[in-house]
Amino acid sequence: MTTSAVAHRVTRTAILLALMLFAIVPLLSMFTTALAAPGSTPQGLSWPSDPHWNNFVDAWSAANFLALFRSSTLIVLGVVPATVAMATAAGYALAQLNVPFGKAIYGLLLVGLTLPFEALITPLYYDLQSMGLLGTRLAIVLPLIGLLMPFGVFWMRAHFLGAEQALTEAAKVDGANTWQTFRRIHLPLATSAWSALAVLFFLASWNQYLLPLVLVDDPTKRTVAGGLGAFQGQYGTDIVLLCAGSLLIILPSLVIFLIFQRNFVKALMQGAVK
């Protein structure tokens, strides 16, 4: 192995280690802080001499996380399947079918990617109020579906643009119609892409903070992240309970990502290889 190759490998490894530490150290600091004595203010990254594991139980009870986890689960189940299904179908249509005004529709969706959630809060509030949905979980689910669709279509269209045209032509020769070609050929081959998209939408829905806080008054109908605002306001000086509650919120996201990380990486690598 040449000297330049060794230097390249060492540099790459050092960068990866630095990025790994950048992600792990804050989590370790939160974990050690969550085990400190209640009401204390730990300094730095240090393991407590007497870990207080009951801090997680106290944080769970104080913030009513059982109701928040149930509410977040209902919101995720309302957002993720519908958005992934519609984004996958729309991405396939824009990439593989001759859709009238397809380029204009795609350009409009790209404009949607540039709109921040904050700019839409006021019109969303009054629209949902006029529809009688303000204060319900649908006030979170419906806007999230619309706000996540542009990225979902962009993601899936990029995947289907790289699909082999020979497969579509072979399906047509065998007598398959458009729906059969999509469902039996292209959809199974896009498993990595849409499953990775589902993970991203899960994270976006589970960690949504602003929409639940503004559009829903009942804290038990918000997401766990939305509930953290009230928890932080009530226990802002208790850093230990705040870290324990934050870790309880992060845990489902970490579990989901670890389970589906292979599909996520595979979806990214497919685009790189093609």
Protein backbone atom coordinates (compact mmCIF):
# COMPACT_ATOMS: atom_id res chain seq x y z
CA MET A 1 0.00 0.00 0.00
CA THR A 2 1.41 3.38 -0.98
CA THR A 3 2.02 6.24 1.45
CA SER A 4 -0.74 8.34 -0.11
CA ALA A 5 -3.24 5.48 0.27
CA VAL A 6 -2.31 5.05 3.94
CA ALA A 7 -2.65 8.79 4.55
CA HIS A 8 -6.03 8.80 2.81
CA ARG A 9 -7.27 5.91 4.96
CA VAL A 10 -6.00 7.53 8.18
CA THR A 11 -7.63 10.85 7.28
CA ARG A 12 -10.91 9.18 6.42
CA THR A 13 -10.90 7.17 9.66
CA ALA A 14 -10.08 10.28 11.71
CA ILE A 15 -12.98 12.19 10.13
CA LEU A 16 -15.39 9.33 10.79
CA LEU A 17 -14.25 9.07 14.42
CA ALA A 18 -14.65 12.81 14.88
CA LEU A 19 -18.18 12.71 13.47
CA MET A 20 -19.01 9.69 15.65
CA LEU A 21 -17.79 11.48 18.78
CA PHE A 22 -19.71 14.58 17.75
CA ALA A 23 -22.91 12.50 17.78
CA ILE A 24 -22.23 10.21 20.75
CA VAL A 25 -20.68 12.53 23.33
CA PRO A 26 -23.82 14.70 23.77
CA LEU A 27 -25.94 11.57 24.27
CA LEU A 28 -23.48 10.22 26.84
CA SER A 29 -23.48 13.57 28.62
CA MET A 30 -27.29 13.56 28.74
CA PHE A 31 -27.30 9.97 30.02
CA THR A 32 -24.85 10.62 32.86
CA THR A 33 -26.70 13.82 33.77
CA ALA A 34 -30.01 11.94 33.86
CA LEU A 35 -28.53 9.59 36.48
CA ALA A 36 -27.37 12.38 38.79
CA ALA A 37 -29.11 13.34 42.02
CA PRO A 38 -32.45 15.11 41.43
CA GLY A 39 -32.17 18.87 41.63
CA SER A 40 -28.40 18.88 41.14
CA THR A 41 -26.47 20.52 38.31
CA PRO A 42 -23.78 18.08 37.05
CA GLN A 43 -20.75 19.54 35.37
CA GLY A 44 -19.24 17.91 32.29
CA LEU A 45 -19.20 14.25 31.36
CA SER A 46 -18.81 12.28 34.58
CA TRP A 47 -20.42 9.10 35.87
CA PRO A 48 -22.31 9.75 39.14
CA SER A 49 -21.11 7.88 42.21
CA ASP A 50 -24.71 6.96 43.09
CA PRO A 51 -26.76 6.58 39.87
CA HIS A 52 -30.45 7.46 40.30
CA TRP A 53 -32.18 5.21 37.79
CA ASN A 54 -35.55 6.20 39.22
CA ASN A 55 -35.11 9.59 37.51
CA PHE A 56 -36.47 8.04 34.32
CA VAL A 57 -39.57 6.83 36.18
CA ASP A 58 -40.05 10.25 37.76
CA ALA A 59 -39.70 11.99 34.38
CA TRP A 60 -42.13 9.53 32.77
CA SER A 61 -44.75 10.22 35.44
CA ALA A 62 -44.18 13.98 35.70
CA ALA A 63 -44.59 14.62 31.96
CA ASN A 64 -47.41 12.07 31.47
CA PHE A 65 -45.35 10.36 28.77
CA LEU A 66 -47.77 7.44 28.48
CA ALA A 67 -50.45 9.70 26.97
CA LEU A 68 -47.86 11.53 24.85
CA PHE A 69 -46.41 8.30 23.45
CA ARG A 70 -49.91 7.11 22.59
CA SER A 71 -50.71 10.40 20.88
CA SER A 72 -47.41 10.39 18.94
CA THR A 73 -48.05 6.83 17.80
CA LEU A 74 -51.50 7.76 16.47
CA ILE A 75 -50.07 10.78 14.66
CA VAL A 76 -47.25 8.73 13.12
CA LEU A 77 -49.71 6.04 11.98
CA GLY A 78 -51.84 8.74 10.38
CA VAL A 79 -48.95 10.48 8.63
CA VAL A 80 -46.33 7.95 7.56
CA PRO A 81 -48.29 5.24 5.65
CA ALA A 82 -50.43 7.74 3.72
CA THR A 83 -47.54 10.04 2.86
CA VAL A 84 -45.20 7.24 1.78
CA ALA A 85 -47.91 5.65 -0.39
CA MET A 86 -48.83 8.91 -2.12
CA ALA A 87 -45.21 10.03 -2.53
CA THR A 88 -44.23 6.66 -4.02
CA ALA A 89 -47.11 6.71 -6.52
CA ALA A 90 -46.48 10.34 -7.45
CA GLY A 91 -42.73 9.82 -7.79
CA TYR A 92 -43.29 6.85 -10.09
CA ALA A 93 -45.77 8.79 -12.21
CA LEU A 94 -43.45 11.78 -12.62
CA ALA A 95 -40.45 9.60 -13.40
CA GLN A 96 -41.86 6.81 -15.57
CA LEU A 97 -45.17 8.02 -17.02
CA ASN A 98 -45.92 10.77 -19.47
CA VAL A 99 -47.94 12.89 -17.04
CA PRO A 100 -49.47 16.08 -18.54
CA PHE A 101 -47.68 19.14 -17.14
CA GLY A 102 -45.40 16.78 -15.23
CA LYS A 103 -42.45 19.17 -15.23
CA ALA A 104 -44.62 22.03 -13.99
CA ILE A 105 -46.02 19.85 -11.19
CA TYR A 106 -42.53 18.76 -10.19
CA GLY A 107 -41.33 22.38 -10.23
CA LEU A 108 -44.23 23.34 -7.96
CA LEU A 109 -43.26 20.57 -5.55
CA LEU A 110 -39.67 21.82 -5.53
CA VAL A 111 -40.96 25.24 -4.55
CA GLY A 112 -42.72 23.51 -1.67
CA LEU A 113 -39.36 22.25 -0.44
CA THR A 114 -38.23 25.84 0.08
CA LEU A 115 -41.17 26.82 2.32
CA PRO A 116 -40.39 26.62 6.05
CA PHE A 117 -43.03 25.33 8.44
CA GLU A 118 -42.95 28.63 10.35
CA ALA A 119 -44.17 30.60 7.33
CA LEU A 120 -47.31 28.44 7.06
CA ILE A 121 -48.38 28.36 10.71
CA THR A 122 -50.69 31.41 10.57
CA PRO A 123 -52.69 30.42 7.44
CA LEU A 124 -52.83 26.82 8.68
CA TYR A 125 -54.25 27.98 12.00
CA TYR A 126 -57.12 29.91 10.44
CA ASP A 127 -57.82 27.25 7.79
CA LEU A 128 -58.07 24.49 10.38
CA GLN A 129 -60.15 26.73 12.62
CA SER A 130 -62.66 27.29 9.80
CA MET A 131 -62.80 23.53 9.20
CA GLY A 132 -63.42 22.80 12.88
CA LEU A 133 -60.27 20.70 13.19
CA LEU A 134 -58.28 23.00 15.45
CA GLY A 135 -57.29 21.23 18.65
CA THR A 136 -57.60 17.71 17.17
CA ARG A 137 -54.89 15.32 16.03
CA LEU A 138 -56.06 15.81 12.45
CA ALA A 139 -54.80 19.38 12.79
CA ILE A 140 -51.31 17.82 13.00
CA VAL A 141 -51.75 14.86 10.65
CA LEU A 142 -53.19 16.67 7.62
CA PRO A 143 -50.65 19.55 7.53
CA LEU A 144 -47.77 17.12 8.04
CA ILE A 145 -48.90 15.02 5.08
CA GLY A 146 -48.93 18.09 2.87
CA LEU A 147 -45.67 19.48 4.18
CA LEU A 148 -43.79 16.19 3.80
CA MET A 149 -45.11 15.35 0.34
CA PRO A 150 -42.69 17.55 -1.68
CA PHE A 151 -39.63 15.86 -0.22
CA GLY A 152 -41.23 12.43 -0.53
CA VAL A 153 -42.01 12.91 -4.23
CA PHE A 154 -38.52 14.30 -4.82
CA TRP A 155 -36.96 11.27 -3.08
CA MET A 156 -39.03 8.63 -4.88
CA ARG A 157 -38.82 10.31 -8.28
CA ALA A 158 -35.03 10.27 -8.00
CA HIS A 159 -35.18 6.53 -7.35
CA PHE A 160 -37.56 5.70 -10.19
CA LEU A 161 -35.55 7.76 -12.67
CA GLY A 162 -32.78 5.20 -12.22
CA ALA A 163 -35.09 2.21 -12.77
CA GLU A 164 -34.33 -0.01 -15.73
CA GLN A 165 -36.56 0.77 -18.71
CA ALA A 166 -36.05 -2.78 -19.94
CA LEU A 167 -38.16 -4.06 -17.04
CA THR A 168 -41.05 -1.80 -18.00
CA GLU A 169 -40.81 -2.82 -21.64
CA ALA A 170 -40.70 -6.51 -20.74
CA ALA A 171 -43.79 -6.09 -18.57
CA LYS A 172 -45.65 -4.43 -21.44
CA VAL A 173 -44.70 -7.29 -23.75
CA ASP A 174 -46.16 -9.72 -21.20
CA GLY A 175 -49.42 -7.78 -21.19
CA ALA A 176 -49.08 -5.96 -17.87
CA ASN A 177 -50.84 -2.63 -17.52
CA THR A 178 -49.40 0.45 -15.80
CA TRP A 179 -50.70 -0.47 -12.34
CA GLN A 180 -49.45 -4.06 -12.57
CA THR A 181 -46.02 -2.89 -13.74
CA PHE A 182 -45.78 -0.50 -10.81
CA ARG A 183 -47.10 -2.88 -8.15
CA ARG A 184 -45.41 -6.13 -9.20
CA ILE A 185 -42.09 -4.89 -10.59
CA HIS A 186 -41.06 -1.39 -9.61
CA LEU A 187 -42.55 -1.23 -6.12
CA PRO A 188 -40.72 -4.35 -4.81
CA LEU A 189 -37.46 -3.06 -6.30
CA ALA A 190 -38.01 0.27 -4.52
CA THR A 191 -38.30 -1.30 -1.06
CA SER A 192 -35.07 0.29 0.19
CA ALA A 193 -36.11 3.72 -1.09
CA TRP A 194 -39.61 3.86 0.36
CA SER A 195 -38.63 2.16 3.64
CA ALA A 196 -35.86 4.73 4.11
CA LEU A 197 -38.40 7.45 3.33
CA ALA A 198 -40.73 5.95 5.95
CA VAL A 199 -37.94 6.22 8.54
CA LEU A 200 -37.35 9.88 7.65
CA PHE A 201 -41.08 10.62 7.85
CA PHE A 202 -41.30 8.80 11.18
CA LEU A 203 -38.52 10.97 12.59
CA ALA A 204 -40.13 14.14 11.21
CA SER A 205 -43.54 13.23 12.66
CA TRP A 206 -42.33 11.88 16.00
CA ASN A 207 -40.05 14.86 16.63
CA GLN A 208 -42.49 17.51 15.35
CA TYR A 209 -42.58 20.34 17.87
CA LEU A 210 -44.00 23.53 16.36
CA LEU A 211 -47.25 22.31 14.77
CA PRO A 212 -48.57 20.47 17.88
CA LEU A 213 -47.62 23.38 20.11
CA VAL A 214 -49.55 25.95 18.03
CA LEU A 215 -52.46 23.94 16.64
CA VAL A 216 -53.40 21.76 19.64
CA ASP A 217 -54.24 23.10 23.10
CA ASP A 218 -54.54 19.74 24.87
CA PRO A 219 -51.00 18.57 25.78
CA THR A 220 -52.10 14.91 25.73
CA LYS A 221 -52.96 15.21 22.00
CA ARG A 222 -49.52 16.51 21.03
CA THR A 223 -46.39 14.63 20.09
CA VAL A 224 -43.82 13.74 22.72
CA ALA A 225 -41.60 16.55 21.44
CA GLY A 226 -44.49 19.00 21.73
CA GLY A 227 -45.06 17.82 25.27
CA LEU A 228 -41.43 18.50 26.10
CA GLY A 229 -42.13 22.23 25.83
CA ALA A 230 -44.56 22.08 28.74
CA PHE A 231 -42.24 19.74 30.63
CA GLN A 232 -39.33 22.11 30.20
CA GLY A 233 -41.39 25.08 31.28
CA GLN A 234 -42.41 23.36 34.48
CA TYR A 235 -39.07 21.75 35.33
CA GLY A 236 -36.70 24.14 33.59
CA THR A 237 -34.36 24.33 36.57
CA ASP A 238 -34.23 20.56 37.10
CA ILE A 239 -31.63 19.65 34.47
CA VAL A 240 -31.58 16.03 35.61
CA LEU A 241 -35.28 15.37 34.97
CA LEU A 242 -35.10 17.33 31.73
CA CYS A 243 -32.31 15.09 30.41
CA ALA A 244 -34.14 11.97 31.54
CA GLY A 245 -37.29 13.08 29.71
CA SER A 246 -35.32 13.98 26.60
CA LEU A 247 -33.72 10.53 26.48
CA LEU A 248 -37.13 8.88 26.79
CA ILE A 249 -38.26 10.88 23.75
CA ILE A 250 -35.12 10.06 21.74
CA LEU A 251 -35.19 6.32 22.46
CA PRO A 252 -37.92 5.29 19.93
CA SER A 253 -36.19 7.25 17.16
CA LEU A 254 -32.89 5.50 17.88
CA VAL A 255 -34.55 2.08 17.92
CA ILE A 256 -36.36 2.68 14.61
CA PHE A 257 -33.20 3.96 12.94
CA LEU A 258 -31.09 1.03 14.19
CA ILE A 259 -33.68 -1.44 12.90
CA PHE A 260 -33.93 0.11 9.43
CA GLN A 261 -30.41 1.50 9.04
CA ARG A 262 -29.50 -1.13 6.42
CA ASN A 263 -32.38 -0.05 4.19
CA PHE A 264 -31.51 3.60 4.73
CA VAL A 265 -27.85 3.15 3.78
CA LYS A 266 -28.79 0.91 0.86
CA ALA A 267 -31.15 3.57 -0.53
CA LEU A 268 -28.42 6.18 -0.36
CA MET A 269 -25.83 3.88 -1.92
CA GLN A 270 -28.14 2.96 -4.80
CA GLY A 271 -28.21 6.56 -5.89
CA ALA A 272 -24.44 6.85 -5.55
CA VAL A 273 -23.78 3.69 -7.59
CA LYS A 274 -26.20 4.64 -10.35
